[in-house]
Amino acid sequence: MRSENGLLDAAKRRCDQPPDGQDAVGSAPVRIMRNLGLLCVFAGAFGLTAHGAEISDLGALHGRVVYLDFWASWCAPCRQSFPWMEGMKKQYEAKGLTIIAVNLDQERAEADAFLRRFHPGFEIKFDPQGLWAARFGVQGMPTSILIDRHGVARFTHIGFRPNDGSTYERQLEQLLAEP
């Protein structure tokens, strides 16, 4: 997505407006805008509850860059991504980065064992029914979505290898440098 052709600027304007439903697929909090081919996360009054655990209102994070990560305890690449995400949080949180990791395990005990091993300092939410995963089109583990300050999902990654970290970090830096 290049701002040179105005596509990104148009998306930011559209994503900053509340959804009108006329060109939307899906429902709040996420919609795919057919005419722009972009995933937008809207600031609205929504909450998704999965087994009593409310997943963050991403609208409250408007103005911050969000690294939204979907993971599971059985996922080997997730064991590599967690230390990397912790490093990114420490390095970029003050510059506007928020990391939210959404667990998709059906058994909470498995997720809790994973978390005891890694002790993440970023926000963890649980989605055992996969409702958020479905809304974001998650197709593999882990899946990360980088959302800019305007609510536009700019980068999506499936999987994680240590070699990927530098590319993902450059993308984070790019989004953090934008207004």
C-alpha atoms as a PDB file:
ATOM      1  CA  MET A   1       0.000   0.000   0.000  1.00  0.00           C
ATOM      2  CA  ARG A   2       1.646   3.174  -1.133  1.00  0.00           C
ATOM      3  CA  SER A   3       0.597   6.639  -0.083  1.00  0.00           C
ATOM      4  CA  GLU A   4       1.996   8.033  -3.355  1.00  0.00           C
ATOM      5  CA  ASN A   5      -1.161   7.004  -5.163  1.00  0.00           C
ATOM      6  CA  GLY A   6      -3.450   8.255  -2.413  1.00  0.00           C
ATOM      7  CA  LEU A   7      -4.758   4.804  -1.532  1.00  0.00           C
ATOM      8  CA  LEU A   8      -3.373   4.844   1.996  1.00  0.00           C
ATOM      9  CA  ASP A   9      -4.542   8.405   2.643  1.00  0.00           C
ATOM     10  CA  ALA A  10      -8.040   7.492   1.475  1.00  0.00           C
ATOM     11  CA  ALA A  11      -8.022   4.417   3.695  1.00  0.00           C
ATOM     12  CA  LYS A  12      -6.998   6.472   6.724  1.00  0.00           C
ATOM     13  CA  ARG A  13      -9.825   8.913   6.122  1.00  0.00           C
ATOM     14  CA  ARG A  14     -12.307   6.080   5.697  1.00  0.00           C
ATOM     15  CA  CYS A  15     -11.036   4.125   8.696  1.00  0.00           C
ATOM     16  CA  ASP A  16     -11.272   7.168  10.948  1.00  0.00           C
ATOM     17  CA  GLN A  17     -14.991   7.369  10.202  1.00  0.00           C
ATOM     18  CA  PRO A  18     -17.521   5.081  11.867  1.00  0.00           C
ATOM     19  CA  PRO A  19     -18.622   2.201   9.647  1.00  0.00           C
ATOM     20  CA  ASP A  20     -21.756   2.854   7.650  1.00  0.00           C
ATOM     21  CA  GLY A  21     -22.123  -0.737   6.497  1.00  0.00           C
ATOM     22  CA  GLN A  22     -22.658   0.149   2.858  1.00  0.00           C
ATOM     23  CA  ASP A  23     -19.354  -1.190   1.588  1.00  0.00           C
ATOM     24  CA  ALA A  24     -18.437  -3.462   4.445  1.00  0.00           C
ATOM     25  CA  VAL A  25     -17.962  -7.177   4.751  1.00  0.00           C
ATOM     26  CA  GLY A  26     -18.164  -8.577   8.263  1.00  0.00           C
ATOM     27  CA  SER A  27     -19.039  -6.694  11.384  1.00  0.00           C
ATOM     28  CA  ALA A  28     -17.503  -4.529  14.070  1.00  0.00           C
ATOM     29  CA  PRO A  29     -14.760  -4.408  15.119  1.00  0.00           C
ATOM     30  CA  VAL A  30     -13.296  -5.327  11.761  1.00  0.00           C
ATOM     31  CA  ARG A  31     -14.402  -4.875   8.213  1.00  0.00           C
ATOM     32  CA  ILE A  32     -12.824  -5.285   4.848  1.00  0.00           C
ATOM     33  CA  MET A  33     -13.483  -2.335   2.615  1.00  0.00           C
ATOM     34  CA  ARG A  34     -14.219  -3.787  -0.807  1.00  0.00           C
ATOM     35  CA  ASN A  35     -13.300  -0.694  -2.763  1.00  0.00           C
ATOM     36  CA  LEU A  36      -9.927  -0.302  -1.035  1.00  0.00           C
ATOM     37  CA  GLY A  37      -9.064  -3.897  -0.233  1.00  0.00           C
ATOM     38  CA  LEU A  38      -7.982  -2.908   3.288  1.00  0.00           C
ATOM     39  CA  LEU A  39      -8.735  -4.221   6.710  1.00  0.00           C
ATOM     40  CA  CYS A  40      -9.900  -1.475   9.049  1.00  0.00           C
ATOM     41  CA  VAL A  41     -10.322  -1.574  12.796  1.00  0.00           C
ATOM     42  CA  PHE A  42     -12.803   1.030  13.950  1.00  0.00           C
ATOM     43  CA  ALA A  43     -12.968   3.045  17.112  1.00  0.00           C
ATOM     44  CA  GLY A  44     -16.390   2.114  18.277  1.00  0.00           C
ATOM     45  CA  ALA A  45     -18.209   0.856  21.273  1.00  0.00           C
ATOM     46  CA  PHE A  46     -17.600  -2.838  20.872  1.00  0.00           C
ATOM     47  CA  GLY A  47     -16.326  -5.684  22.917  1.00  0.00           C
ATOM     48  CA  LEU A  48     -16.007  -9.336  22.143  1.00  0.00           C
ATOM     49  CA  THR A  49     -16.310 -11.698  25.047  1.00  0.00           C
ATOM     50  CA  ALA A  50     -14.828 -15.156  24.914  1.00  0.00           C
ATOM     51  CA  HIS A  51     -15.520 -17.268  28.007  1.00  0.00           C
ATOM     52  CA  GLY A  52     -15.855 -14.176  30.141  1.00  0.00           C
ATOM     53  CA  ALA A  53     -12.601 -12.518  29.021  1.00  0.00           C
ATOM     54  CA  GLU A  54     -13.292  -9.309  27.153  1.00  0.00           C
ATOM     55  CA  ILE A  55     -10.887  -8.636  24.338  1.00  0.00           C
ATOM     56  CA  SER A  56      -9.626  -5.078  24.171  1.00  0.00           C
ATOM     57  CA  ASP A  57     -11.530  -2.341  22.462  1.00  0.00           C
ATOM     58  CA  LEU A  58      -9.017  -1.563  19.740  1.00  0.00           C
ATOM     59  CA  GLY A  59     -10.735   1.776  19.246  1.00  0.00           C
ATOM     60  CA  ALA A  60      -9.285   2.890  22.574  1.00  0.00           C
ATOM     61  CA  LEU A  61      -5.855   2.410  20.968  1.00  0.00           C
ATOM     62  CA  HIS A  62      -6.496   4.912  18.177  1.00  0.00           C
ATOM     63  CA  GLY A  63      -3.295   6.907  17.709  1.00  0.00           C
ATOM     64  CA  ARG A  64      -1.080   3.957  18.690  1.00  0.00           C
ATOM     65  CA  VAL A  65       0.522   1.327  16.491  1.00  0.00           C
ATOM     66  CA  VAL A  66      -0.858  -2.106  17.401  1.00  0.00           C
ATOM     67  CA  TYR A  67       0.936  -5.411  16.903  1.00  0.00           C
ATOM     68  CA  LEU A  68      -1.929  -7.906  17.153  1.00  0.00           C
ATOM     69  CA  ASP A  69      -0.667 -11.466  17.453  1.00  0.00           C
ATOM     70  CA  PHE A  70      -2.719 -14.672  17.343  1.00  0.00           C
ATOM     71  CA  TRP A  71      -1.001 -17.645  18.982  1.00  0.00           C
ATOM     72  CA  ALA A  72      -1.492 -21.069  20.543  1.00  0.00           C
ATOM     73  CA  SER A  73       0.477 -23.038  23.124  1.00  0.00           C
ATOM     74  CA  TRP A  74       1.184 -25.895  20.696  1.00  0.00           C
ATOM     75  CA  CYS A  75       2.716 -23.535  18.112  1.00  0.00           C
ATOM     76  CA  ALA A  76       6.510 -23.929  17.919  1.00  0.00           C
ATOM     77  CA  PRO A  77       7.089 -20.588  16.110  1.00  0.00           C
ATOM     78  CA  CYS A  78       5.057 -18.867  18.858  1.00  0.00           C
ATOM     79  CA  ARG A  79       7.776 -19.894  21.320  1.00  0.00           C
ATOM     80  CA  GLN A  80      10.205 -17.884  19.198  1.00  0.00           C
ATOM     81  CA  SER A  81       7.914 -14.901  18.662  1.00  0.00           C
ATOM     82  CA  PHE A  82       7.141 -14.245  22.335  1.00  0.00           C
ATOM     83  CA  PRO A  83      10.675 -13.196  23.346  1.00  0.00           C
ATOM     84  CA  TRP A  84      10.876 -11.073  20.180  1.00  0.00           C
ATOM     85  CA  MET A  85       7.554  -9.345  20.969  1.00  0.00           C
ATOM     86  CA  GLU A  86       8.741  -8.680  24.524  1.00  0.00           C
ATOM     87  CA  GLY A  87      11.867  -7.015  23.121  1.00  0.00           C
ATOM     88  CA  MET A  88       9.776  -4.891  20.754  1.00  0.00           C
ATOM     89  CA  LYS A  89       7.508  -3.829  23.615  1.00  0.00           C
ATOM     90  CA  LYS A  90      10.462  -2.709  25.708  1.00  0.00           C
ATOM     91  CA  GLN A  91      12.066  -0.865  22.816  1.00  0.00           C
ATOM     92  CA  TYR A  92       9.038   0.835  21.235  1.00  0.00           C
ATOM     93  CA  GLU A  93       6.223   1.109  23.787  1.00  0.00           C
ATOM     94  CA  ALA A  94       7.182   4.682  24.683  1.00  0.00           C
ATOM     95  CA  LYS A  95       7.082   5.572  20.963  1.00  0.00           C
ATOM     96  CA  GLY A  96       3.474   4.389  20.629  1.00  0.00           C
ATOM     97  CA  LEU A  97       3.554   0.598  20.198  1.00  0.00           C
ATOM     98  CA  THR A  98       1.006  -1.656  21.879  1.00  0.00           C
ATOM     99  CA  ILE A  99       1.271  -5.417  21.627  1.00  0.00           C
ATOM    100  CA  ILE A 100      -1.778  -7.600  22.154  1.00  0.00           C
ATOM    101  CA  ALA A 101      -1.427 -11.375  21.930  1.00  0.00           C
ATOM    102  CA  VAL A 102      -4.660 -13.341  21.501  1.00  0.00           C
ATOM    103  CA  ASN A 103      -4.530 -16.990  22.528  1.00  0.00           C
ATOM    104  CA  LEU A 104      -6.642 -19.470  20.582  1.00  0.00           C
ATOM    105  CA  ASP A 105      -6.226 -22.561  22.784  1.00  0.00           C
ATOM    106  CA  GLN A 106      -9.480 -24.255  23.684  1.00  0.00           C
ATOM    107  CA  GLU A 107      -8.003 -25.383  27.005  1.00  0.00           C
ATOM    108  CA  ARG A 108      -6.984 -22.409  29.149  1.00  0.00           C
ATOM    109  CA  ALA A 109      -4.566 -24.535  31.219  1.00  0.00           C
ATOM    110  CA  GLU A 110      -2.369 -25.089  28.152  1.00  0.00           C
ATOM    111  CA  ALA A 111      -2.171 -21.346  27.518  1.00  0.00           C
ATOM    112  CA  ASP A 112      -1.421 -20.670  31.181  1.00  0.00           C
ATOM    113  CA  ALA A 113       1.481 -23.155  31.132  1.00  0.00           C
ATOM    114  CA  PHE A 114       2.910 -21.414  28.055  1.00  0.00           C
ATOM    115  CA  LEU A 115       2.583 -18.014  29.735  1.00  0.00           C
ATOM    116  CA  ARG A 116       4.319 -19.227  32.902  1.00  0.00           C
ATOM    117  CA  ARG A 117       7.278 -20.165  30.722  1.00  0.00           C
ATOM    118  CA  PHE A 118       7.554 -16.823  28.891  1.00  0.00           C
ATOM    119  CA  HIS A 119       6.187 -14.219  31.374  1.00  0.00           C
ATOM    120  CA  PRO A 120       5.097 -11.686  28.738  1.00  0.00           C
ATOM    121  CA  GLY A 121       4.769  -8.059  29.782  1.00  0.00           C
ATOM    122  CA  PHE A 122       2.310  -7.267  27.006  1.00  0.00           C
ATOM    123  CA  GLU A 123      -1.446  -7.730  27.009  1.00  0.00           C
ATOM    124  CA  ILE A 124      -2.751 -11.293  26.674  1.00  0.00           C
ATOM    125  CA  LYS A 125      -6.342 -12.072  25.754  1.00  0.00           C
ATOM    126  CA  PHE A 126      -8.119 -15.359  25.214  1.00  0.00           C
ATOM    127  CA  ASP A 127     -10.338 -16.362  22.296  1.00  0.00           C
ATOM    128  CA  PRO A 128     -10.987 -20.118  22.685  1.00  0.00           C
ATOM    129  CA  GLN A 129     -13.900 -20.010  20.263  1.00  0.00           C
ATOM    130  CA  GLY A 130     -11.803 -18.301  17.593  1.00  0.00           C
ATOM    131  CA  LEU A 131     -14.211 -15.404  17.098  1.00  0.00           C
ATOM    132  CA  TRP A 132     -11.513 -12.756  16.688  1.00  0.00           C
ATOM    133  CA  ALA A 133      -9.376 -15.130  14.664  1.00  0.00           C
ATOM    134  CA  ALA A 134     -12.265 -15.566  12.236  1.00  0.00           C
ATOM    135  CA  ARG A 135     -12.873 -11.826  11.999  1.00  0.00           C
ATOM    136  CA  PHE A 136      -9.224 -11.192  11.202  1.00  0.00           C
ATOM    137  CA  GLY A 137      -8.960 -14.113   8.763  1.00  0.00           C
ATOM    138  CA  VAL A 138      -6.279 -15.994  10.699  1.00  0.00           C
ATOM    139  CA  GLN A 139      -5.011 -18.900   8.597  1.00  0.00           C
ATOM    140  CA  GLY A 140      -1.903 -20.054  10.463  1.00  0.00           C
ATOM    141  CA  MET A 141      -0.013 -19.796  13.733  1.00  0.00           C
ATOM    142  CA  PRO A 142       1.179 -17.371  14.705  1.00  0.00           C
ATOM    143  CA  THR A 143      -0.505 -14.660  12.678  1.00  0.00           C
ATOM    144  CA  SER A 144       0.417 -11.075  13.380  1.00  0.00           C
ATOM    145  CA  ILE A 145      -1.301  -7.974  12.099  1.00  0.00           C
ATOM    146  CA  LEU A 146       0.352  -4.562  12.277  1.00  0.00           C
ATOM    147  CA  ILE A 147      -2.254  -1.835  12.596  1.00  0.00           C
ATOM    148  CA  ASP A 148      -1.276   1.790  12.069  1.00  0.00           C
ATOM    149  CA  ARG A 149      -2.312   4.777  14.182  1.00  0.00           C
ATOM    150  CA  HIS A 150      -5.434   5.250  12.034  1.00  0.00           C
ATOM    151  CA  GLY A 151      -6.749   1.718  12.422  1.00  0.00           C
ATOM    152  CA  VAL A 152      -5.561   0.420   9.046  1.00  0.00           C
ATOM    153  CA  ALA A 153      -4.109  -3.084   9.052  1.00  0.00           C
ATOM    154  CA  ARG A 154      -0.954  -2.464   7.046  1.00  0.00           C
ATOM    155  CA  PHE A 155       1.031  -5.695   7.355  1.00  0.00           C
ATOM    156  CA  THR A 156       0.015  -9.288   8.019  1.00  0.00           C
ATOM    157  CA  HIS A 157       2.415 -12.133   8.740  1.00  0.00           C
ATOM    158  CA  ILE A 158       1.761 -15.850   9.010  1.00  0.00           C
ATOM    159  CA  GLY A 159       4.392 -17.743  10.949  1.00  0.00           C
ATOM    160  CA  PHE A 160       7.523 -16.493  12.655  1.00  0.00           C
ATOM    161  CA  ARG A 161      11.218 -17.268  12.271  1.00  0.00           C
ATOM    162  CA  PRO A 162      13.990 -15.403  14.046  1.00  0.00           C
ATOM    163  CA  ASN A 163      15.174 -14.154  10.619  1.00  0.00           C
ATOM    164  CA  ASP A 164      11.773 -12.447  10.176  1.00  0.00           C
ATOM    165  CA  GLY A 165      12.281 -10.247  13.221  1.00  0.00           C
ATOM    166  CA  SER A 166      14.341  -7.590  11.450  1.00  0.00           C
ATOM    167  CA  THR A 167      11.753  -7.217   8.668  1.00  0.00           C
ATOM    168  CA  TYR A 168       8.907  -6.961  11.179  1.00  0.00           C
ATOM    169  CA  GLU A 169      10.862  -4.432  13.218  1.00  0.00           C
ATOM    170  CA  ARG A 170      11.441  -2.245  10.134  1.00  0.00           C
ATOM    171  CA  GLN A 171       7.703  -2.337   9.482  1.00  0.00           C
ATOM    172  CA  LEU A 172       6.996  -1.337  13.087  1.00  0.00           C
ATOM    173  CA  GLU A 173       9.501   1.523  12.808  1.00  0.00           C
ATOM    174  CA  GLN A 174       7.833   2.673   9.583  1.00  0.00           C
ATOM    175  CA  LEU A 175       4.405   2.769  11.202  1.00  0.00           C
ATOM    176  CA  LEU A 176       5.715   4.435  14.357  1.00  0.00           C
ATOM    177  CA  ALA A 177       7.341   7.169  12.252  1.00  0.00           C
ATOM    178  CA  GLU A 178       4.065   8.023  10.527  1.00  0.00           C
ATOM    179  CA  PRO A 179       1.654  10.596  11.984  1.00  0.00           C
END
